[in-house]
Amino acid sequence: MKVASLLSGGKDSNFALHWAILHGLEVCCTLTLKPPEDSELLQFPAVELARLQSIAMGLPNIYDVGNEEKLIELMKKAKEMGAEYVVSGALLSDYQRQRMSTWAERLGLKPLAPLWRIDQEQYMRMLVRNGFEIMIIRVAAEGLGPEFLGKVLTSKDVEEIIRRARKYGFNPAFEGGEAETLVLKAPLYRKRLIVKGKKVHRGGGDWIFRIIEATLSDL
């Protein structure tokens, strides 16, 4: 079966793609939309770097900039490439899953959300254990400070995030927008993403690690 995989650059879309290939699906392309800032549906920081991630995996990427409904156009192009399914990294958001499913089904594509309702704490531990190099590029929740920005998560960091999530009440996998991530390396990558950036305060507890340079290097 041919699938198109939504790819934002973050951990969830990367792992959903990883899951699809591990389960014998043929990923014909990745789909990336850079939405307006503070989108309620999609990640917005560093989304354009999903194109480099796609190169690192040897996959074609269909990219556009605009509002969320432009995803319909991306899915239509994927269908023209032979896609029958659309894979997303939705974890807990009914809003996100339902919107993605509605748009896919409108085009005759079948939605897949392999991470839906996964145990959030165990999921975070599993990502690091399985070789996903994950950098935090935005924090926006009480209990998560700018000290996490630009860090590649270790098992120790994950345990600290879980501890703080229990204390402050945020989602440890950041499904509520408490933080956003960028994957630098994953098991499917043939190259590693190398980035340079700076911390930018957006107000209140909202901080971004703004990427100013990004390249691919050999593993």
N, C-alpha and C. Protein backbone atom coordinates (compact mmCIF):
# COMPACT_ATOMS: atom_id res chain seq x y z
N MET A 1 0.84 -1.19 0.00
CA MET A 1 0.00 0.00 0.00
C MET A 1 0.87 1.24 0.00
N LYS A 2 0.50 2.20 -0.82
CA LYS A 2 1.23 3.46 -0.88
C LYS A 2 0.61 4.47 0.08
N VAL A 3 1.47 5.16 0.83
CA VAL A 3 0.98 6.16 1.77
C VAL A 3 1.75 7.46 1.59
N ALA A 4 1.07 8.56 1.91
CA ALA A 4 1.72 9.86 2.05
C ALA A 4 1.80 10.14 3.53
N SER A 5 2.92 10.66 3.99
CA SER A 5 3.11 10.88 5.41
C SER A 5 3.25 12.37 5.69
N LEU A 6 2.37 12.90 6.54
CA LEU A 6 2.48 14.29 6.94
C LEU A 6 3.74 14.46 7.78
N LEU A 7 4.56 15.45 7.46
CA LEU A 7 5.84 15.62 8.13
C LEU A 7 6.03 17.09 8.50
N SER A 8 6.04 17.37 9.81
CA SER A 8 6.19 18.74 10.29
C SER A 8 7.61 19.06 10.71
N GLY A 9 8.44 18.02 10.83
CA GLY A 9 9.78 18.18 11.38
C GLY A 9 9.88 17.70 12.80
N GLY A 10 8.73 17.57 13.48
CA GLY A 10 8.72 17.18 14.88
C GLY A 10 8.71 15.67 15.10
N LYS A 11 8.73 15.30 16.37
CA LYS A 11 8.88 13.90 16.75
C LYS A 11 7.70 13.03 16.33
N ASP A 12 6.47 13.54 16.45
CA ASP A 12 5.31 12.69 16.23
C ASP A 12 5.13 12.32 14.76
N SER A 13 5.28 13.29 13.87
CA SER A 13 5.15 12.98 12.45
C SER A 13 6.30 12.10 11.98
N ASN A 14 7.49 12.31 12.55
CA ASN A 14 8.62 11.46 12.19
C ASN A 14 8.40 10.02 12.65
N PHE A 15 7.87 9.86 13.87
CA PHE A 15 7.66 8.49 14.34
C PHE A 15 6.52 7.81 13.59
N ALA A 16 5.48 8.56 13.23
CA ALA A 16 4.38 7.96 12.46
C ALA A 16 4.89 7.44 11.12
N LEU A 17 5.79 8.20 10.48
CA LEU A 17 6.40 7.75 9.23
C LEU A 17 7.23 6.49 9.47
N HIS A 18 8.00 6.50 10.54
CA HIS A 18 8.82 5.35 10.94
C HIS A 18 7.93 4.12 11.12
N TRP A 19 6.80 4.30 11.81
CA TRP A 19 5.85 3.21 12.04
C TRP A 19 5.34 2.65 10.71
N ALA A 20 5.00 3.54 9.79
CA ALA A 20 4.45 3.11 8.50
C ALA A 20 5.42 2.20 7.76
N ILE A 21 6.68 2.60 7.73
CA ILE A 21 7.67 1.79 7.01
C ILE A 21 7.93 0.47 7.75
N LEU A 22 7.97 0.51 9.07
CA LEU A 22 8.17 -0.73 9.84
C LEU A 22 7.02 -1.72 9.60
N HIS A 23 5.85 -1.21 9.26
CA HIS A 23 4.69 -2.08 9.04
C HIS A 23 4.47 -2.39 7.56
N GLY A 24 5.51 -2.19 6.76
CA GLY A 24 5.49 -2.65 5.38
C GLY A 24 4.78 -1.75 4.40
N LEU A 25 4.47 -0.51 4.81
CA LEU A 25 3.82 0.42 3.89
C LEU A 25 4.86 1.15 3.06
N GLU A 26 4.50 1.48 1.84
CA GLU A 26 5.40 2.20 0.95
C GLU A 26 5.08 3.69 1.02
N VAL A 27 6.01 4.46 1.56
CA VAL A 27 5.82 5.90 1.66
C VAL A 27 6.24 6.53 0.33
N CYS A 28 5.26 7.04 -0.41
CA CYS A 28 5.57 7.60 -1.72
C CYS A 28 6.01 9.06 -1.64
N CYS A 29 5.65 9.74 -0.54
CA CYS A 29 6.06 11.13 -0.39
C CYS A 29 5.75 11.60 1.03
N THR A 30 6.38 12.69 1.40
CA THR A 30 6.03 13.38 2.64
C THR A 30 5.32 14.69 2.27
N LEU A 31 4.45 15.14 3.15
CA LEU A 31 3.67 16.36 2.92
C LEU A 31 3.96 17.35 4.04
N THR A 32 4.37 18.54 3.67
CA THR A 32 4.72 19.55 4.67
C THR A 32 4.04 20.87 4.34
N LEU A 33 3.31 21.39 5.31
CA LEU A 33 2.70 22.71 5.18
C LEU A 33 3.22 23.61 6.28
N LYS A 34 3.76 24.76 5.90
CA LYS A 34 4.17 25.75 6.91
C LYS A 34 2.98 26.68 7.14
N PRO A 35 2.35 26.57 8.31
CA PRO A 35 1.13 27.35 8.57
C PRO A 35 1.47 28.72 9.16
N PRO A 36 0.47 29.56 9.35
CA PRO A 36 0.69 30.81 10.08
C PRO A 36 1.18 30.51 11.50
N GLU A 37 1.88 31.48 12.10
CA GLU A 37 2.35 31.28 13.47
C GLU A 37 1.17 31.05 14.40
N ASP A 38 1.43 30.20 15.41
CA ASP A 38 0.43 29.88 16.43
C ASP A 38 -0.78 29.16 15.86
N SER A 39 -0.57 28.35 14.83
CA SER A 39 -1.62 27.50 14.30
C SER A 39 -2.13 26.57 15.40
N GLU A 40 -3.44 26.38 15.47
CA GLU A 40 -4.02 25.46 16.45
C GLU A 40 -3.95 24.01 15.97
N LEU A 41 -3.66 23.81 14.70
CA LEU A 41 -3.67 22.46 14.13
C LEU A 41 -2.29 21.91 13.85
N LEU A 42 -1.37 22.77 13.42
CA LEU A 42 -0.07 22.30 12.92
C LEU A 42 1.08 22.99 13.65
N GLN A 43 2.20 22.29 13.70
CA GLN A 43 3.43 22.91 14.21
C GLN A 43 3.86 24.02 13.26
N PHE A 44 4.39 25.11 13.82
CA PHE A 44 4.87 26.18 12.94
C PHE A 44 6.37 26.46 13.01
N PRO A 45 7.09 26.28 14.16
CA PRO A 45 8.52 26.59 14.14
C PRO A 45 9.32 25.56 13.33
N ALA A 46 10.20 26.06 12.47
CA ALA A 46 11.18 25.24 11.74
C ALA A 46 10.55 24.16 10.86
N VAL A 47 9.29 24.34 10.47
CA VAL A 47 8.61 23.33 9.66
C VAL A 47 9.32 23.13 8.32
N GLU A 48 9.90 24.18 7.78
CA GLU A 48 10.57 24.07 6.48
C GLU A 48 11.72 23.07 6.50
N LEU A 49 12.23 22.74 7.68
CA LEU A 49 13.35 21.79 7.76
C LEU A 49 12.89 20.35 7.51
N ALA A 50 11.59 20.13 7.45
CA ALA A 50 11.09 18.81 7.07
C ALA A 50 11.56 18.44 5.66
N ARG A 51 11.83 19.44 4.84
CA ARG A 51 12.34 19.15 3.50
C ARG A 51 13.72 18.51 3.58
N LEU A 52 14.57 18.99 4.51
CA LEU A 52 15.88 18.37 4.70
C LEU A 52 15.74 16.98 5.30
N GLN A 53 14.80 16.81 6.21
CA GLN A 53 14.57 15.48 6.77
C GLN A 53 14.16 14.49 5.67
N SER A 54 13.35 14.95 4.76
CA SER A 54 12.91 14.08 3.65
C SER A 54 14.10 13.68 2.79
N ILE A 55 14.98 14.63 2.53
CA ILE A 55 16.20 14.31 1.78
C ILE A 55 17.03 13.29 2.55
N ALA A 56 17.13 13.46 3.86
CA ALA A 56 17.90 12.53 4.69
C ALA A 56 17.34 11.12 4.63
N MET A 57 16.05 10.99 4.36
CA MET A 57 15.41 9.67 4.26
C MET A 57 15.26 9.20 2.82
N GLY A 58 15.64 10.03 1.86
CA GLY A 58 15.52 9.65 0.46
C GLY A 58 14.08 9.65 -0.04
N LEU A 59 13.25 10.55 0.50
CA LEU A 59 11.84 10.60 0.13
C LEU A 59 11.50 11.94 -0.51
N PRO A 60 10.65 11.94 -1.54
CA PRO A 60 10.20 13.22 -2.11
C PRO A 60 9.29 13.95 -1.14
N ASN A 61 9.40 15.27 -1.12
CA ASN A 61 8.59 16.09 -0.22
C ASN A 61 7.75 17.06 -1.03
N ILE A 62 6.48 17.17 -0.68
CA ILE A 62 5.59 18.16 -1.27
C ILE A 62 5.38 19.25 -0.22
N TYR A 63 5.77 20.47 -0.52
CA TYR A 63 5.83 21.55 0.47
C TYR A 63 5.03 22.75 0.00
N ASP A 64 4.38 23.41 0.96
CA ASP A 64 3.68 24.66 0.64
C ASP A 64 3.58 25.50 1.90
N VAL A 65 3.19 26.74 1.72
CA VAL A 65 3.02 27.68 2.82
C VAL A 65 1.59 28.20 2.76
N GLY A 66 0.92 28.28 3.91
CA GLY A 66 -0.43 28.82 3.90
C GLY A 66 -1.26 28.31 5.05
N ASN A 67 -2.58 28.55 4.99
CA ASN A 67 -3.45 28.11 6.06
C ASN A 67 -3.66 26.60 6.01
N GLU A 68 -4.23 26.07 7.10
CA GLU A 68 -4.31 24.62 7.27
C GLU A 68 -5.06 23.91 6.14
N GLU A 69 -6.04 24.57 5.56
CA GLU A 69 -6.84 23.89 4.54
C GLU A 69 -6.04 23.65 3.25
N LYS A 70 -4.85 24.25 3.15
CA LYS A 70 -3.99 23.96 2.01
C LYS A 70 -3.51 22.51 2.03
N LEU A 71 -3.66 21.86 3.19
CA LEU A 71 -3.30 20.44 3.26
C LEU A 71 -4.10 19.62 2.26
N ILE A 72 -5.31 20.07 1.95
CA ILE A 72 -6.13 19.35 0.97
C ILE A 72 -5.41 19.31 -0.38
N GLU A 73 -4.82 20.42 -0.77
CA GLU A 73 -4.08 20.47 -2.04
C GLU A 73 -2.87 19.55 -2.01
N LEU A 74 -2.17 19.50 -0.86
CA LEU A 74 -1.02 18.61 -0.75
C LEU A 74 -1.46 17.15 -0.84
N MET A 75 -2.54 16.81 -0.17
CA MET A 75 -3.06 15.44 -0.23
C MET A 75 -3.49 15.07 -1.65
N LYS A 76 -4.07 16.02 -2.35
CA LYS A 76 -4.48 15.76 -3.74
C LYS A 76 -3.27 15.43 -4.60
N LYS A 77 -2.17 16.17 -4.41
CA LYS A 77 -0.94 15.88 -5.16
C LYS A 77 -0.39 14.51 -4.79
N ALA A 78 -0.49 14.16 -3.51
CA ALA A 78 -0.03 12.84 -3.07
C ALA A 78 -0.85 11.73 -3.72
N LYS A 79 -2.16 11.95 -3.83
CA LYS A 79 -3.02 10.95 -4.47
C LYS A 79 -2.62 10.77 -5.93
N GLU A 80 -2.25 11.85 -6.59
CA GLU A 80 -1.81 11.77 -7.99
C GLU A 80 -0.52 10.96 -8.11
N MET A 81 0.26 10.89 -7.00
CA MET A 81 1.49 10.09 -6.98
C MET A 81 1.21 8.64 -6.60
N GLY A 82 -0.05 8.31 -6.39
CA GLY A 82 -0.42 6.93 -6.09
C GLY A 82 -0.76 6.63 -4.64
N ALA A 83 -0.75 7.66 -3.78
CA ALA A 83 -1.05 7.43 -2.37
C ALA A 83 -2.49 6.97 -2.18
N GLU A 84 -2.65 5.99 -1.30
CA GLU A 84 -3.99 5.50 -0.93
C GLU A 84 -4.33 5.87 0.51
N TYR A 85 -3.31 6.12 1.32
CA TYR A 85 -3.48 6.43 2.73
C TYR A 85 -2.70 7.70 3.06
N VAL A 86 -3.13 8.36 4.13
CA VAL A 86 -2.39 9.51 4.68
C VAL A 86 -2.09 9.21 6.14
N VAL A 87 -0.81 9.27 6.50
CA VAL A 87 -0.37 8.98 7.86
C VAL A 87 -0.11 10.29 8.59
N SER A 88 -0.62 10.40 9.81
CA SER A 88 -0.36 11.59 10.63
C SER A 88 0.12 11.17 12.01
N GLY A 89 0.71 12.12 12.71
CA GLY A 89 1.24 11.85 14.05
C GLY A 89 0.32 12.30 15.16
N ALA A 90 -0.98 12.34 14.93
CA ALA A 90 -1.93 12.77 15.96
C ALA A 90 -1.82 11.87 17.19
N LEU A 91 -1.75 12.49 18.37
CA LEU A 91 -1.62 11.74 19.62
C LEU A 91 -2.92 11.71 20.43
N LEU A 92 -3.44 12.88 20.76
CA LEU A 92 -4.62 12.96 21.62
C LEU A 92 -5.67 13.95 21.14
N SER A 93 -5.29 14.83 20.23
CA SER A 93 -6.21 15.90 19.84
C SER A 93 -7.29 15.40 18.89
N ASP A 94 -8.53 15.35 19.39
CA ASP A 94 -9.65 14.97 18.52
C ASP A 94 -9.81 15.96 17.39
N TYR A 95 -9.58 17.24 17.68
CA TYR A 95 -9.70 18.29 16.66
C TYR A 95 -8.75 18.01 15.51
N GLN A 96 -7.49 17.71 15.85
CA GLN A 96 -6.49 17.46 14.81
C GLN A 96 -6.83 16.20 14.01
N ARG A 97 -7.13 15.13 14.72
CA ARG A 97 -7.40 13.86 14.04
C ARG A 97 -8.62 13.95 13.15
N GLN A 98 -9.67 14.58 13.64
CA GLN A 98 -10.91 14.67 12.86
C GLN A 98 -10.73 15.55 11.63
N ARG A 99 -10.02 16.66 11.75
CA ARG A 99 -9.80 17.52 10.59
C ARG A 99 -8.99 16.79 9.53
N MET A 100 -7.91 16.11 9.96
CA MET A 100 -7.08 15.36 9.01
C MET A 100 -7.90 14.27 8.33
N SER A 101 -8.68 13.55 9.12
CA SER A 101 -9.48 12.46 8.57
C SER A 101 -10.51 12.97 7.57
N THR A 102 -11.17 14.07 7.90
CA THR A 102 -12.20 14.63 7.02
C THR A 102 -11.60 15.03 5.68
N TRP A 103 -10.45 15.71 5.72
CA TRP A 103 -9.82 16.16 4.48
C TRP A 103 -9.36 14.98 3.63
N ALA A 104 -8.76 13.98 4.29
CA ALA A 104 -8.28 12.80 3.55
C ALA A 104 -9.45 12.06 2.91
N GLU A 105 -10.50 11.82 3.68
CA GLU A 105 -11.64 11.06 3.17
C GLU A 105 -12.37 11.80 2.06
N ARG A 106 -12.33 13.12 2.10
CA ARG A 106 -12.95 13.92 1.05
C ARG A 106 -12.29 13.62 -0.31
N LEU A 107 -11.02 13.25 -0.27
CA LEU A 107 -10.27 12.95 -1.50
C LEU A 107 -10.23 11.46 -1.81
N GLY A 108 -10.90 10.65 -1.00
CA GLY A 108 -10.88 9.21 -1.21
C GLY A 108 -9.64 8.55 -0.64
N LEU A 109 -8.95 9.23 0.28
CA LEU A 109 -7.77 8.67 0.94
C LEU A 109 -8.16 8.16 2.32
N LYS A 110 -7.46 7.15 2.79
CA LYS A 110 -7.77 6.58 4.10
C LYS A 110 -6.78 7.12 5.13
N PRO A 111 -7.27 7.69 6.24
CA PRO A 111 -6.37 8.24 7.26
C PRO A 111 -5.83 7.17 8.20
N LEU A 112 -4.58 7.33 8.58
CA LEU A 112 -3.95 6.46 9.56
C LEU A 112 -3.33 7.34 10.65
N ALA A 113 -3.62 7.02 11.90
CA ALA A 113 -3.04 7.75 13.03
C ALA A 113 -2.48 6.72 14.01
N PRO A 114 -1.30 6.17 13.72
CA PRO A 114 -0.79 5.04 14.51
C PRO A 114 -0.44 5.36 15.95
N LEU A 115 -0.31 6.65 16.30
CA LEU A 115 0.07 7.02 17.66
C LEU A 115 -1.13 7.39 18.52
N TRP A 116 -2.33 7.24 17.96
CA TRP A 116 -3.53 7.71 18.64
C TRP A 116 -3.71 7.02 19.99
N ARG A 117 -3.79 7.83 21.05
CA ARG A 117 -4.02 7.38 22.42
C ARG A 117 -2.87 6.54 22.99
N ILE A 118 -1.69 6.66 22.43
CA ILE A 118 -0.54 5.94 22.97
C ILE A 118 -0.22 6.49 24.36
N ASP A 119 0.34 5.67 25.24
CA ASP A 119 0.76 6.13 26.56
C ASP A 119 1.84 7.19 26.40
N GLN A 120 1.57 8.40 26.85
CA GLN A 120 2.44 9.54 26.56
C GLN A 120 3.82 9.42 27.19
N GLU A 121 3.88 8.96 28.43
CA GLU A 121 5.17 8.84 29.10
C GLU A 121 6.03 7.76 28.47
N GLN A 122 5.43 6.59 28.24
CA GLN A 122 6.18 5.49 27.65
C GLN A 122 6.61 5.83 26.22
N TYR A 123 5.79 6.58 25.53
CA TYR A 123 6.12 7.01 24.17
C TYR A 123 7.38 7.86 24.16
N MET A 124 7.48 8.83 25.07
CA MET A 124 8.66 9.68 25.14
C MET A 124 9.91 8.86 25.45
N ARG A 125 9.79 7.94 26.37
CA ARG A 125 10.94 7.08 26.70
C ARG A 125 11.36 6.23 25.49
N MET A 126 10.36 5.71 24.79
CA MET A 126 10.62 4.83 23.66
C MET A 126 11.34 5.57 22.53
N LEU A 127 10.96 6.81 22.28
CA LEU A 127 11.59 7.58 21.21
C LEU A 127 13.09 7.68 21.41
N VAL A 128 13.50 8.10 22.59
CA VAL A 128 14.94 8.25 22.87
C VAL A 128 15.64 6.90 22.85
N ARG A 129 14.99 5.90 23.41
CA ARG A 129 15.57 4.55 23.45
C ARG A 129 15.79 3.98 22.06
N ASN A 130 14.95 4.40 21.09
CA ASN A 130 15.04 3.87 19.74
C ASN A 130 15.83 4.75 18.78
N GLY A 131 16.61 5.67 19.31
CA GLY A 131 17.55 6.40 18.48
C GLY A 131 17.04 7.66 17.83
N PHE A 132 15.93 8.21 18.30
CA PHE A 132 15.45 9.49 17.80
C PHE A 132 16.17 10.62 18.54
N GLU A 133 16.89 11.44 17.79
CA GLU A 133 17.56 12.60 18.38
C GLU A 133 16.61 13.79 18.24
N ILE A 134 16.06 14.22 19.37
CA ILE A 134 14.97 15.19 19.38
C ILE A 134 15.43 16.46 20.08
N MET A 135 15.31 17.59 19.39
CA MET A 135 15.65 18.89 19.97
C MET A 135 14.36 19.65 20.28
N ILE A 136 14.30 20.24 21.44
CA ILE A 136 13.17 21.11 21.78
C ILE A 136 13.42 22.49 21.18
N ILE A 137 12.46 22.95 20.37
CA ILE A 137 12.63 24.24 19.70
C ILE A 137 11.58 25.27 20.13
N ARG A 138 10.66 24.87 20.99
CA ARG A 138 9.72 25.84 21.56
C ARG A 138 9.23 25.32 22.90
N VAL A 139 9.11 26.20 23.88
CA VAL A 139 8.45 25.88 25.14
C VAL A 139 7.39 26.94 25.39
N ALA A 140 6.24 26.50 25.89
CA ALA A 140 5.13 27.43 26.10
C ALA A 140 4.19 26.90 27.18
N ALA A 141 4.78 26.47 28.31
CA ALA A 141 3.95 25.96 29.39
C ALA A 141 4.65 26.19 30.72
N GLU A 142 3.87 26.41 31.74
CA GLU A 142 4.43 26.52 33.08
C GLU A 142 5.13 25.22 33.44
N GLY A 143 6.36 25.35 33.90
CA GLY A 143 7.14 24.17 34.24
C GLY A 143 8.18 23.82 33.19
N LEU A 144 8.06 24.40 32.01
CA LEU A 144 9.06 24.20 30.94
C LEU A 144 9.71 25.55 30.65
N GLY A 145 10.97 25.70 31.00
CA GLY A 145 11.65 26.97 30.80
C GLY A 145 12.59 26.96 29.61
N PRO A 146 13.17 28.11 29.29
CA PRO A 146 14.07 28.22 28.13
C PRO A 146 15.34 27.41 28.25
N GLU A 147 15.61 26.87 29.44
CA GLU A 147 16.79 26.01 29.59
C GLU A 147 16.69 24.75 28.74
N PHE A 148 15.50 24.38 28.33
CA PHE A 148 15.32 23.20 27.48
C PHE A 148 15.57 23.50 26.00
N LEU A 149 15.52 24.76 25.60
CA LEU A 149 15.62 25.11 24.19
C LEU A 149 16.98 24.74 23.61
N GLY A 150 16.96 24.14 22.43
CA GLY A 150 18.20 23.77 21.75
C GLY A 150 18.84 22.51 22.29
N LYS A 151 18.18 21.85 23.25
CA LYS A 151 18.72 20.62 23.83
C LYS A 151 18.27 19.41 23.04
N VAL A 152 19.18 18.47 22.85
CA VAL A 152 18.81 17.16 22.31
C VAL A 152 18.49 16.28 23.51
N LEU A 153 17.30 15.75 23.54
CA LEU A 153 16.81 15.06 24.72
C LEU A 153 17.56 13.76 24.99
N THR A 154 17.97 13.59 26.24
CA THR A 154 18.52 12.34 26.73
C THR A 154 17.45 11.64 27.56
N SER A 155 17.73 10.41 27.95
CA SER A 155 16.79 9.69 28.82
C SER A 155 16.58 10.45 30.13
N LYS A 156 17.64 11.06 30.63
CA LYS A 156 17.53 11.85 31.86
C LYS A 156 16.61 13.05 31.67
N ASP A 157 16.74 13.72 30.52
CA ASP A 157 15.86 14.86 30.23
C ASP A 157 14.40 14.42 30.16
N VAL A 158 14.15 13.28 29.53
CA VAL A 158 12.78 12.79 29.41
C VAL A 158 12.18 12.53 30.78
N GLU A 159 12.95 11.94 31.68
CA GLU A 159 12.45 11.68 33.03
C GLU A 159 12.16 12.99 33.76
N GLU A 160 12.98 14.01 33.52
CA GLU A 160 12.73 15.31 34.15
C GLU A 160 11.46 15.95 33.59
N ILE A 161 11.25 15.82 32.28
CA ILE A 161 10.03 16.35 31.67
C ILE A 161 8.81 15.64 32.22
N ILE A 162 8.88 14.32 32.37
CA ILE A 162 7.77 13.56 32.93
C ILE A 162 7.49 13.99 34.37
N ARG A 163 8.56 14.19 35.14
CA ARG A 163 8.39 14.64 36.53
C ARG A 163 7.69 16.00 36.57
N ARG A 164 8.12 16.93 35.71
CA ARG A 164 7.51 18.26 35.69
C ARG A 164 6.07 18.20 35.17
N ALA A 165 5.83 17.32 34.19
CA ALA A 165 4.47 17.18 33.66
C ALA A 165 3.50 16.75 34.75
N ARG A 166 3.94 15.83 35.59
CA ARG A 166 3.09 15.38 36.69
C ARG A 166 2.87 16.50 37.70
N LYS A 167 3.90 17.30 37.93
CA LYS A 167 3.81 18.37 38.92
C LYS A 167 2.93 19.53 38.43
N TYR A 168 3.15 19.95 37.16
CA TYR A 168 2.49 21.15 36.66
C TYR A 168 1.23 20.86 35.82
N GLY A 169 1.04 19.58 35.45
CA GLY A 169 -0.20 19.22 34.77
C GLY A 169 -0.19 19.35 33.26
N PHE A 170 1.00 19.49 32.64
CA PHE A 170 1.02 19.54 31.18
C PHE A 170 1.23 18.14 30.60
N ASN A 171 1.01 18.01 29.31
CA ASN A 171 1.17 16.72 28.64
C ASN A 171 2.66 16.43 28.42
N PRO A 172 3.17 15.29 28.88
CA PRO A 172 4.61 15.01 28.76
C PRO A 172 5.08 14.83 27.33
N ALA A 173 4.15 14.57 26.40
CA ALA A 173 4.52 14.45 24.99
C ALA A 173 4.17 15.73 24.22
N PHE A 174 3.72 16.76 24.95
CA PHE A 174 3.50 18.10 24.39
C PHE A 174 2.33 18.17 23.41
N GLU A 175 1.37 17.28 23.53
CA GLU A 175 0.27 17.27 22.57
C GLU A 175 -0.59 18.53 22.67
N GLY A 176 -0.56 19.20 23.82
CA GLY A 176 -1.34 20.41 23.97
C GLY A 176 -0.61 21.67 23.55
N GLY A 177 0.52 21.52 22.85
CA GLY A 177 1.29 22.69 22.41
C GLY A 177 2.22 23.23 23.48
N GLU A 178 2.47 22.43 24.54
CA GLU A 178 3.35 22.88 25.62
C GLU A 178 4.79 23.07 25.15
N ALA A 179 5.17 22.34 24.12
CA ALA A 179 6.50 22.46 23.52
C ALA A 179 6.42 21.91 22.10
N GLU A 180 7.42 22.25 21.30
CA GLU A 180 7.51 21.70 19.95
C GLU A 180 8.95 21.25 19.70
N THR A 181 9.09 20.31 18.79
CA THR A 181 10.36 19.62 18.65
C THR A 181 10.84 19.57 17.20
N LEU A 182 12.11 19.26 17.05
CA LEU A 182 12.73 19.04 15.74
C LEU A 182 13.58 17.78 15.82
N VAL A 183 13.36 16.86 14.91
CA VAL A 183 14.14 15.62 14.88
C VAL A 183 15.41 15.86 14.05
N LEU A 184 16.56 15.58 14.65
CA LEU A 184 17.84 15.75 13.98
C LEU A 184 18.33 14.46 13.34
N LYS A 185 17.94 13.35 13.92
CA LYS A 185 18.34 12.04 13.40
C LYS A 185 17.32 11.01 13.88
N ALA A 186 17.05 10.04 13.02
CA ALA A 186 16.13 8.95 13.36
C ALA A 186 16.62 7.70 12.64
N PRO A 187 16.10 6.53 12.99
CA PRO A 187 16.59 5.30 12.38
C PRO A 187 16.53 5.27 10.85
N LEU A 188 15.59 5.99 10.24
CA LEU A 188 15.47 5.98 8.78
C LEU A 188 16.41 6.99 8.10
N TYR A 189 17.04 7.86 8.88
CA TYR A 189 17.86 8.91 8.29
C TYR A 189 19.20 8.36 7.80
N ARG A 190 19.57 8.79 6.61
CA ARG A 190 20.89 8.46 6.08
C ARG A 190 21.89 9.58 6.33
N LYS A 191 21.37 10.72 6.75
CA LYS A 191 22.20 11.86 7.12
C LYS A 191 21.62 12.49 8.39
N ARG A 192 22.44 13.27 9.08
CA ARG A 192 22.00 13.95 10.30
C ARG A 192 21.78 15.43 10.01
N LEU A 193 20.73 15.98 10.61
CA LEU A 193 20.46 17.40 10.50
C LEU A 193 21.30 18.16 11.53
N ILE A 194 22.05 19.13 11.08
CA ILE A 194 22.88 19.96 11.95
C ILE A 194 22.30 21.37 11.93
N VAL A 195 21.99 21.93 13.11
CA VAL A 195 21.37 23.25 13.14
C VAL A 195 22.09 24.18 14.10
N LYS A 196 21.98 25.46 13.80
CA LYS A 196 22.42 26.52 14.71
C LYS A 196 21.23 27.46 14.90
N GLY A 197 21.10 27.99 16.11
CA GLY A 197 19.97 28.87 16.35
C GLY A 197 20.19 29.76 17.56
N LYS A 198 19.17 30.50 17.91
CA LYS A 198 19.24 31.38 19.07
C LYS A 198 17.89 31.37 19.78
N LYS A 199 17.94 31.63 21.09
CA LYS A 199 16.72 31.67 21.89
C LYS A 199 16.04 33.02 21.71
N VAL A 200 14.73 32.96 21.44
CA VAL A 200 13.94 34.18 21.25
C VAL A 200 12.74 34.13 22.19
N HIS A 201 12.56 35.18 22.98
CA HIS A 201 11.43 35.26 23.91
C HIS A 201 10.25 35.89 23.20
N ARG A 202 9.13 35.17 23.15
CA ARG A 202 7.94 35.67 22.46
C ARG A 202 6.94 36.31 23.41
N GLY A 203 7.26 36.30 24.69
CA GLY A 203 6.37 36.87 25.69
C GLY A 203 5.87 35.83 26.66
N GLY A 204 5.73 36.22 27.94
CA GLY A 204 5.27 35.28 28.96
C GLY A 204 6.21 34.08 29.05
N GLY A 205 5.63 32.89 29.06
CA GLY A 205 6.45 31.68 29.11
C GLY A 205 6.72 31.06 27.75
N ASP A 206 6.51 31.84 26.69
CA ASP A 206 6.65 31.34 25.32
C ASP A 206 8.03 31.71 24.76
N TRP A 207 8.83 30.69 24.52
CA TRP A 207 10.18 30.86 23.97
C TRP A 207 10.36 29.96 22.75
N ILE A 208 11.14 30.45 21.79
CA ILE A 208 11.46 29.65 20.60
C ILE A 208 12.97 29.60 20.41
N PHE A 209 13.45 28.44 19.97
CA PHE A 209 14.83 28.33 19.50
C PHE A 209 14.77 28.53 17.99
N ARG A 210 15.05 29.76 17.56
CA ARG A 210 14.90 30.09 16.15
C ARG A 210 16.11 29.59 15.36
N ILE A 211 15.86 28.72 14.40
CA ILE A 211 16.94 28.14 13.60
C ILE A 211 17.44 29.19 12.59
N ILE A 212 18.75 29.43 12.59
CA ILE A 212 19.32 30.41 11.67
C ILE A 212 20.21 29.74 10.62
N GLU A 213 20.54 28.47 10.84
CA GLU A 213 21.34 27.74 9.84
C GLU A 213 21.05 26.25 9.98
N ALA A 214 20.90 25.57 8.88
CA ALA A 214 20.61 24.13 8.91
C ALA A 214 21.26 23.44 7.71
N THR A 215 21.95 22.35 7.97
CA THR A 215 22.61 21.58 6.92
C THR A 215 22.46 20.09 7.24
N LEU A 216 22.77 19.26 6.26
CA LEU A 216 22.83 17.82 6.45
C LEU A 216 24.28 17.38 6.44
N SER A 217 24.60 16.43 7.32
CA SER A 217 25.96 15.89 7.35
C SER A 217 25.89 14.37 7.31
N ASP A 218 26.98 13.74 6.89
CA ASP A 218 27.03 12.28 6.86
C ASP A 218 27.02 11.74 8.28
N LEU A 219 26.46 10.56 8.43
CA LEU A 219 26.41 9.93 9.76
C LEU A 219 27.78 9.40 10.15
